[in-house]
N, C-alpha and C. Protein backbone atom coordinates (compact mmCIF):
# COMPACT_ATOMS: atom_id res chain seq x y z
N UNK A 1 110.01 90.86 14.69
CA UNK A 1 110.72 90.15 15.72
C UNK A 1 111.56 91.12 16.55
N UNK A 2 112.29 92.04 15.85
CA UNK A 2 113.11 93.01 16.56
C UNK A 2 112.25 93.92 17.43
N UNK A 3 111.04 94.23 16.97
CA UNK A 3 110.16 95.11 17.73
C UNK A 3 109.73 94.45 19.03
N UNK A 4 109.40 93.14 18.99
CA UNK A 4 108.99 92.43 20.21
C UNK A 4 110.13 92.37 21.22
N UNK A 5 111.35 92.14 20.77
CA UNK A 5 112.50 92.09 21.66
C UNK A 5 112.74 93.48 22.27
N UNK A 6 112.58 94.52 21.47
CA UNK A 6 112.72 95.89 21.97
C UNK A 6 111.69 96.19 23.05
N UNK A 7 110.42 95.78 22.83
CA UNK A 7 109.40 95.99 23.85
C UNK A 7 109.70 95.18 25.10
N UNK A 8 110.19 93.97 24.96
CA UNK A 8 110.53 93.12 26.09
C UNK A 8 111.64 93.76 26.92
N UNK A 9 112.70 94.23 26.28
CA UNK A 9 113.82 94.87 26.98
C UNK A 9 113.33 96.14 27.67
N UNK A 10 112.54 96.94 26.99
CA UNK A 10 112.01 98.17 27.58
C UNK A 10 111.13 97.85 28.79
N UNK A 11 110.31 96.81 28.68
CA UNK A 11 109.45 96.41 29.80
C UNK A 11 110.25 95.96 31.01
N UNK A 12 111.33 95.20 30.78
CA UNK A 12 112.18 94.75 31.88
C UNK A 12 112.85 95.94 32.55
N UNK A 13 113.35 96.89 31.76
CA UNK A 13 113.99 98.08 32.33
C UNK A 13 113.01 98.91 33.15
N UNK A 14 111.82 99.14 32.63
CA UNK A 14 110.82 99.92 33.36
C UNK A 14 110.42 99.17 34.63
N UNK A 15 110.22 97.88 34.55
CA UNK A 15 109.88 97.08 35.72
C UNK A 15 110.96 97.15 36.79
N UNK A 16 112.22 97.13 36.38
CA UNK A 16 113.32 97.23 37.34
C UNK A 16 113.33 98.59 38.01
N UNK A 17 113.10 99.65 37.26
CA UNK A 17 113.09 100.99 37.84
C UNK A 17 111.92 101.19 38.79
N UNK A 18 110.77 100.62 38.48
CA UNK A 18 109.58 100.79 39.31
C UNK A 18 109.69 99.98 40.59
N UNK A 19 110.22 98.78 40.55
CA UNK A 19 110.27 97.89 41.71
C UNK A 19 111.44 98.20 42.62
N UNK A 20 112.56 98.67 42.13
CA UNK A 20 113.77 98.82 42.93
C UNK A 20 113.63 99.68 44.18
N UNK A 21 112.86 100.78 44.21
CA UNK A 21 112.77 101.55 45.45
C UNK A 21 112.16 100.76 46.61
N UNK A 22 111.32 99.77 46.34
CA UNK A 22 110.69 99.00 47.40
C UNK A 22 111.51 97.80 47.83
N UNK A 23 112.58 97.54 47.20
CA UNK A 23 113.39 96.38 47.55
C UNK A 23 114.37 96.67 48.66
N UNK A 24 114.38 97.89 49.23
CA UNK A 24 115.25 98.18 50.35
C UNK A 24 116.55 98.82 49.94
N UNK A 25 116.46 99.99 49.37
CA UNK A 25 117.68 100.69 49.00
C UNK A 25 118.40 101.13 50.27
N UNK A 26 119.72 101.35 50.22
CA UNK A 26 120.46 101.73 51.41
C UNK A 26 119.92 102.98 52.09
N UNK A 27 119.37 103.92 51.33
CA UNK A 27 118.86 105.15 51.94
C UNK A 27 117.56 104.92 52.69
N UNK A 28 116.87 103.81 52.44
CA UNK A 28 115.56 103.58 53.03
C UNK A 28 115.62 102.79 54.33
N UNK A 29 116.78 102.38 54.80
CA UNK A 29 116.84 101.60 56.03
C UNK A 29 118.00 102.05 56.90
N UNK A 30 117.86 101.80 58.19
CA UNK A 30 118.90 102.13 59.14
C UNK A 30 119.95 101.03 59.10
N UNK A 31 121.19 101.39 58.90
CA UNK A 31 122.27 100.41 58.86
C UNK A 31 122.72 100.03 60.25
N UNK A 32 123.69 99.13 60.36
CA UNK A 32 124.21 98.75 61.67
C UNK A 32 124.79 99.98 62.38
N UNK A 33 124.42 100.15 63.65
CA UNK A 33 124.92 101.28 64.43
C UNK A 33 124.78 100.98 65.91
N UNK A 34 125.61 101.61 66.71
CA UNK A 34 125.50 101.55 68.17
C UNK A 34 125.41 102.98 68.68
N UNK A 35 124.39 103.24 69.49
CA UNK A 35 124.19 104.56 70.08
C UNK A 35 124.30 104.41 71.58
N UNK A 36 125.25 105.15 72.18
CA UNK A 36 125.44 105.11 73.64
C UNK A 36 125.09 106.48 74.21
N UNK A 37 124.05 106.52 75.03
CA UNK A 37 123.64 107.76 75.66
C UNK A 37 123.26 107.47 77.11
N UNK A 38 122.99 108.53 77.87
CA UNK A 38 122.50 108.38 79.24
C UNK A 38 121.19 109.13 79.38
N UNK A 39 120.48 108.83 80.48
CA UNK A 39 119.24 109.55 80.75
C UNK A 39 119.20 109.96 82.21
N UNK A 40 118.40 110.96 82.49
CA UNK A 40 118.07 111.37 83.85
C UNK A 40 116.55 111.37 83.93
N UNK A 41 116.03 110.66 84.91
CA UNK A 41 114.58 110.55 85.05
C UNK A 41 113.99 111.86 85.53
N UNK A 42 112.99 112.37 84.82
CA UNK A 42 112.28 113.58 85.22
C UNK A 42 111.13 113.23 86.16
N UNK A 43 110.23 112.38 85.68
CA UNK A 43 109.05 112.03 86.47
C UNK A 43 108.69 110.57 86.29
N UNK A 44 108.09 110.02 87.34
CA UNK A 44 107.43 108.71 87.27
C UNK A 44 106.07 108.90 87.92
N UNK A 45 105.02 108.62 87.16
CA UNK A 45 103.67 108.69 87.69
C UNK A 45 103.12 107.27 87.71
N UNK A 46 102.63 106.87 88.86
CA UNK A 46 102.04 105.53 88.99
C UNK A 46 100.52 105.68 89.03
N UNK A 47 99.85 104.88 88.20
CA UNK A 47 98.39 104.91 88.14
C UNK A 47 97.89 103.59 88.69
N UNK A 48 97.17 103.64 89.79
CA UNK A 48 96.67 102.44 90.48
C UNK A 48 95.22 102.22 90.05
N UNK A 49 94.98 101.26 89.16
CA UNK A 49 93.63 101.06 88.62
C UNK A 49 92.92 99.87 89.23
N UNK A 50 93.64 98.93 89.80
CA UNK A 50 93.02 97.74 90.36
C UNK A 50 93.01 97.78 91.87
N UNK A 51 93.31 96.64 92.45
CA UNK A 51 93.41 96.55 93.91
C UNK A 51 94.51 97.49 94.38
N UNK A 52 94.40 97.93 95.64
CA UNK A 52 95.39 98.86 96.19
C UNK A 52 96.78 98.23 96.15
N UNK A 53 97.79 99.03 95.76
CA UNK A 53 99.14 98.52 95.58
C UNK A 53 99.31 98.01 94.15
N UNK A 54 100.46 97.40 93.87
CA UNK A 54 100.71 96.89 92.52
C UNK A 54 99.79 95.72 92.21
N UNK A 55 99.11 95.83 91.07
CA UNK A 55 98.23 94.76 90.61
C UNK A 55 98.15 94.83 89.09
N UNK A 56 97.71 93.75 88.44
CA UNK A 56 97.62 93.77 86.98
C UNK A 56 96.77 94.94 86.49
N UNK A 57 97.29 95.65 85.48
CA UNK A 57 96.60 96.79 84.91
C UNK A 57 97.12 98.13 85.40
N UNK A 58 97.83 98.14 86.55
CA UNK A 58 98.43 99.39 87.02
C UNK A 58 99.48 99.84 86.02
N UNK A 59 99.73 101.15 85.97
CA UNK A 59 100.66 101.69 84.99
C UNK A 59 101.71 102.57 85.64
N UNK A 60 102.86 102.66 84.96
CA UNK A 60 103.91 103.64 85.27
C UNK A 60 104.11 104.47 84.01
N UNK A 61 104.11 105.77 84.18
CA UNK A 61 104.37 106.68 83.07
C UNK A 61 105.68 107.39 83.41
N UNK A 62 106.69 107.23 82.54
CA UNK A 62 108.05 107.68 82.85
C UNK A 62 108.49 108.70 81.80
N UNK A 63 109.05 109.82 82.26
CA UNK A 63 109.65 110.82 81.37
C UNK A 63 111.11 110.98 81.75
N UNK A 64 111.97 111.07 80.73
CA UNK A 64 113.40 111.18 80.96
C UNK A 64 114.00 112.23 80.03
N UNK A 65 115.11 112.83 80.46
CA UNK A 65 115.92 113.69 79.59
C UNK A 65 117.10 112.86 79.12
N UNK A 66 117.49 113.01 77.86
CA UNK A 66 118.57 112.22 77.26
C UNK A 66 119.81 113.08 77.08
N UNK A 67 120.99 112.45 77.29
CA UNK A 67 122.27 113.15 77.20
C UNK A 67 123.29 112.31 76.45
N UNK A 68 124.17 112.99 75.74
CA UNK A 68 125.39 112.40 75.22
C UNK A 68 126.52 113.28 75.75
N UNK A 69 127.00 112.97 76.93
CA UNK A 69 127.95 113.84 77.63
C UNK A 69 129.31 113.91 76.96
N UNK A 70 129.58 112.99 76.03
CA UNK A 70 130.84 113.08 75.27
C UNK A 70 130.79 114.22 74.26
N UNK A 71 129.57 114.68 73.94
CA UNK A 71 129.41 115.74 72.95
C UNK A 71 129.02 117.07 73.60
N UNK A 72 128.05 117.04 74.52
CA UNK A 72 127.57 118.27 75.14
C UNK A 72 126.98 117.96 76.52
N UNK A 73 126.98 118.96 77.39
CA UNK A 73 126.36 118.82 78.71
C UNK A 73 124.86 119.10 78.66
N UNK A 74 124.39 119.63 77.54
CA UNK A 74 122.97 119.93 77.38
C UNK A 74 122.20 118.68 76.96
N UNK A 75 120.93 118.65 77.30
CA UNK A 75 120.06 117.55 76.91
C UNK A 75 119.95 117.48 75.39
N UNK A 76 120.01 116.27 74.84
CA UNK A 76 119.88 116.09 73.39
C UNK A 76 118.50 115.60 72.98
N UNK A 77 117.63 115.34 73.98
CA UNK A 77 116.30 114.84 73.66
C UNK A 77 115.57 114.40 74.90
N UNK A 78 114.51 113.65 74.67
CA UNK A 78 113.71 113.16 75.78
C UNK A 78 113.17 111.77 75.46
N UNK A 79 112.66 111.11 76.51
CA UNK A 79 112.05 109.80 76.34
C UNK A 79 110.73 109.77 77.09
N UNK A 80 109.79 109.03 76.54
CA UNK A 80 108.49 108.82 77.17
C UNK A 80 108.20 107.33 77.12
N UNK A 81 107.97 106.73 78.29
CA UNK A 81 107.66 105.31 78.37
C UNK A 81 106.39 105.11 79.18
N UNK A 82 105.62 104.09 78.81
CA UNK A 82 104.47 103.71 79.59
C UNK A 82 104.54 102.20 79.80
N UNK A 83 104.44 101.79 81.06
CA UNK A 83 104.54 100.37 81.42
C UNK A 83 103.25 99.95 82.11
N UNK A 84 102.75 98.78 81.76
CA UNK A 84 101.55 98.21 82.38
C UNK A 84 101.94 96.95 83.11
N UNK A 85 101.62 96.89 84.39
CA UNK A 85 101.94 95.70 85.20
C UNK A 85 101.05 94.54 84.79
N UNK A 86 101.65 93.35 84.75
CA UNK A 86 100.90 92.15 84.38
C UNK A 86 100.75 91.18 85.54
N UNK A 87 101.38 91.46 86.67
CA UNK A 87 101.19 90.66 87.88
C UNK A 87 101.31 91.56 89.11
N UNK A 88 101.21 90.98 90.30
CA UNK A 88 101.24 91.76 91.54
C UNK A 88 102.65 92.14 91.96
N UNK A 89 103.66 91.63 91.30
CA UNK A 89 105.03 91.88 91.75
C UNK A 89 105.71 92.93 90.90
N UNK A 90 106.47 92.51 89.92
CA UNK A 90 107.28 93.45 89.14
C UNK A 90 107.10 93.34 87.63
N UNK A 91 106.53 92.26 87.14
CA UNK A 91 106.46 92.04 85.69
C UNK A 91 105.57 93.09 85.04
N UNK A 92 106.11 93.68 83.97
CA UNK A 92 105.38 94.72 83.25
C UNK A 92 105.73 94.67 81.78
N UNK A 93 104.85 95.20 80.97
CA UNK A 93 105.06 95.34 79.53
C UNK A 93 105.18 96.83 79.25
N UNK A 94 106.24 97.21 78.53
CA UNK A 94 106.52 98.64 78.31
C UNK A 94 106.63 98.96 76.83
N UNK A 95 106.26 100.18 76.50
CA UNK A 95 106.49 100.78 75.18
C UNK A 95 107.00 102.18 75.41
N UNK A 96 107.93 102.58 74.57
CA UNK A 96 108.48 103.91 74.75
C UNK A 96 108.98 104.51 73.45
N UNK A 97 109.15 105.82 73.47
CA UNK A 97 109.68 106.55 72.33
C UNK A 97 110.83 107.41 72.82
N UNK A 98 111.95 107.33 72.12
CA UNK A 98 113.13 108.14 72.41
C UNK A 98 113.23 109.20 71.32
N UNK A 99 113.11 110.46 71.72
CA UNK A 99 113.13 111.60 70.81
C UNK A 99 114.57 112.11 70.74
N UNK A 100 115.26 111.83 69.65
CA UNK A 100 116.65 112.22 69.45
C UNK A 100 116.74 113.31 68.39
N UNK A 101 117.89 113.99 68.27
CA UNK A 101 117.98 115.11 67.32
C UNK A 101 117.66 114.75 65.86
N UNK A 102 117.94 113.53 65.43
CA UNK A 102 117.74 113.21 64.02
C UNK A 102 116.60 112.23 63.78
N UNK A 103 115.74 112.04 64.78
CA UNK A 103 114.60 111.16 64.61
C UNK A 103 114.18 110.52 65.92
N UNK A 104 113.22 109.62 65.82
CA UNK A 104 112.68 108.93 66.99
C UNK A 104 112.95 107.45 66.88
N UNK A 105 113.14 106.81 68.04
CA UNK A 105 113.29 105.36 68.11
C UNK A 105 112.19 104.84 69.03
N UNK A 106 111.43 103.85 68.55
CA UNK A 106 110.35 103.25 69.32
C UNK A 106 110.79 101.88 69.82
N UNK A 107 110.57 101.62 71.13
CA UNK A 107 110.99 100.37 71.74
C UNK A 107 109.80 99.72 72.45
N UNK A 108 109.91 98.43 72.73
CA UNK A 108 108.86 97.75 73.47
C UNK A 108 109.30 96.38 73.93
N UNK A 109 108.62 95.87 74.96
CA UNK A 109 108.91 94.54 75.46
C UNK A 109 108.54 94.40 76.92
N UNK A 110 108.94 93.27 77.50
CA UNK A 110 108.65 92.96 78.89
C UNK A 110 109.88 93.14 79.75
N UNK A 111 109.65 93.50 81.03
CA UNK A 111 110.78 93.61 81.95
C UNK A 111 110.30 93.34 83.37
N UNK A 112 111.26 92.96 84.20
CA UNK A 112 111.00 92.74 85.63
C UNK A 112 111.55 93.88 86.47
N UNK A 113 112.79 94.27 86.21
CA UNK A 113 113.46 95.27 87.03
C UNK A 113 113.88 96.45 86.17
N UNK A 114 113.61 97.66 86.62
CA UNK A 114 114.02 98.84 85.86
C UNK A 114 115.50 99.15 86.04
N UNK A 115 116.20 98.42 86.90
CA UNK A 115 117.63 98.65 87.09
C UNK A 115 118.46 98.05 85.95
N UNK A 116 117.97 97.02 85.30
CA UNK A 116 118.66 96.40 84.17
C UNK A 116 117.63 95.68 83.32
N UNK A 117 117.52 96.08 82.05
CA UNK A 117 116.56 95.42 81.18
C UNK A 117 116.95 95.61 79.72
N UNK A 118 116.31 94.82 78.87
CA UNK A 118 116.53 94.88 77.43
C UNK A 118 115.17 94.92 76.74
N UNK A 119 115.02 95.83 75.79
CA UNK A 119 113.79 95.96 75.02
C UNK A 119 114.13 95.87 73.53
N UNK A 120 113.15 95.47 72.74
CA UNK A 120 113.33 95.41 71.29
C UNK A 120 113.13 96.79 70.68
N UNK A 121 113.93 97.13 69.68
CA UNK A 121 113.71 98.34 68.89
C UNK A 121 112.70 97.96 67.81
N UNK A 122 111.55 98.62 67.83
CA UNK A 122 110.44 98.26 66.95
C UNK A 122 110.38 99.08 65.67
N UNK A 123 111.08 100.21 65.66
CA UNK A 123 111.05 101.07 64.47
C UNK A 123 111.48 102.46 64.82
N UNK A 124 111.23 103.38 63.92
CA UNK A 124 111.62 104.75 64.18
C UNK A 124 111.23 105.66 63.04
N UNK A 125 111.67 106.92 63.17
CA UNK A 125 111.42 107.92 62.15
C UNK A 125 112.71 108.66 61.85
N UNK A 126 112.71 109.46 60.79
CA UNK A 126 113.89 110.24 60.43
C UNK A 126 115.07 109.34 60.12
N UNK A 127 116.22 109.63 60.71
CA UNK A 127 117.42 108.83 60.51
C UNK A 127 117.21 107.37 60.92
N UNK A 128 116.28 107.14 61.83
CA UNK A 128 116.04 105.79 62.37
C UNK A 128 114.85 105.10 61.71
N UNK A 129 114.45 105.58 60.55
CA UNK A 129 113.33 104.98 59.82
C UNK A 129 113.60 103.49 59.61
N UNK A 130 112.62 102.68 59.98
CA UNK A 130 112.71 101.22 59.81
C UNK A 130 113.79 100.58 60.68
N UNK A 131 114.16 101.21 61.78
CA UNK A 131 115.20 100.67 62.66
C UNK A 131 114.74 99.39 63.33
N UNK A 132 115.67 98.48 63.54
CA UNK A 132 115.45 97.22 64.27
C UNK A 132 116.67 96.99 65.13
N UNK A 133 116.50 96.21 66.19
CA UNK A 133 117.62 95.91 67.06
C UNK A 133 117.17 95.81 68.50
N UNK A 134 118.04 96.26 69.42
CA UNK A 134 117.73 96.15 70.84
C UNK A 134 118.24 97.37 71.60
N UNK A 135 117.66 97.57 72.78
CA UNK A 135 118.07 98.61 73.71
C UNK A 135 118.38 97.93 75.03
N UNK A 136 119.58 98.14 75.55
CA UNK A 136 119.97 97.62 76.87
C UNK A 136 120.12 98.81 77.80
N UNK A 137 119.46 98.75 78.96
CA UNK A 137 119.47 99.84 79.93
C UNK A 137 120.06 99.33 81.24
N UNK A 138 121.03 100.09 81.79
CA UNK A 138 121.68 99.74 83.05
C UNK A 138 121.63 100.95 83.98
N UNK A 139 121.14 100.74 85.20
CA UNK A 139 121.05 101.82 86.19
C UNK A 139 122.44 102.25 86.63
N UNK A 140 122.68 103.57 86.64
CA UNK A 140 123.99 104.12 87.02
C UNK A 140 123.93 104.91 88.32
N UNK A 141 122.77 105.40 88.71
CA UNK A 141 122.64 106.19 89.92
C UNK A 141 121.19 106.32 90.32
N UNK A 142 120.97 106.68 91.61
CA UNK A 142 119.59 106.74 92.08
C UNK A 142 119.13 108.13 92.50
N UNK A 143 120.03 109.07 92.76
CA UNK A 143 119.63 110.43 93.15
C UNK A 143 120.36 111.46 92.34
N UNK A 144 119.88 111.85 91.22
CA UNK A 144 118.64 111.41 90.56
C UNK A 144 118.85 110.07 89.86
N UNK A 145 117.73 109.44 89.49
CA UNK A 145 117.81 108.17 88.76
C UNK A 145 118.45 108.44 87.41
N UNK A 146 119.57 107.73 87.14
CA UNK A 146 120.30 107.85 85.87
C UNK A 146 120.56 106.46 85.31
N UNK A 147 120.46 106.34 84.00
CA UNK A 147 120.69 105.06 83.33
C UNK A 147 121.65 105.25 82.17
N UNK A 148 122.41 104.21 81.88
CA UNK A 148 123.19 104.14 80.64
C UNK A 148 122.39 103.31 79.66
N UNK A 149 122.26 103.81 78.43
CA UNK A 149 121.48 103.13 77.40
C UNK A 149 122.35 102.85 76.19
N UNK A 150 122.24 101.63 75.68
CA UNK A 150 122.95 101.25 74.47
C UNK A 150 121.93 100.70 73.47
N UNK A 151 121.77 101.44 72.38
CA UNK A 151 120.93 100.99 71.26
C UNK A 151 121.85 100.25 70.30
N UNK A 152 121.52 99.01 69.97
CA UNK A 152 122.24 98.26 68.95
C UNK A 152 121.28 98.06 67.78
N UNK A 153 121.52 98.84 66.73
CA UNK A 153 120.65 98.81 65.56
C UNK A 153 121.27 97.93 64.48
N UNK A 154 120.45 97.14 63.83
CA UNK A 154 120.91 96.27 62.75
C UNK A 154 120.31 96.74 61.44
N UNK A 155 120.96 96.39 60.33
CA UNK A 155 120.52 96.85 59.01
C UNK A 155 119.37 96.19 58.45
């Protein structure tokens, strides 16, 4: 009888040790955080694949330099976004990656105006592994195009 109880206790302990890393340890997920940075647009390339002018299927490919001017005047990373138009006006679906010093953040969603929009944070790598939340972008200047970005990450 004592042997069966010993095996049962040992089995529960081993099961707990084996399962616990997959249950979401604090080191495996991004906790609540707010990241405030700015960008300067490097290039925008428009690809016209349909009818002349904006039409469904046309794309914008955007490259940006990222800054945290409270810390340094030098660029801290870059961003790459690709947007596909879904109508003849302004509606587009975008996906992008923000390359930061401690990892990458991947975003995506729909937007109408590049002057103010919100995208979902879909994930990331490094420090931002398994990140979720939102990105809000607000235009701050046009020559050169500059935006303020606020990432709100949840745990």
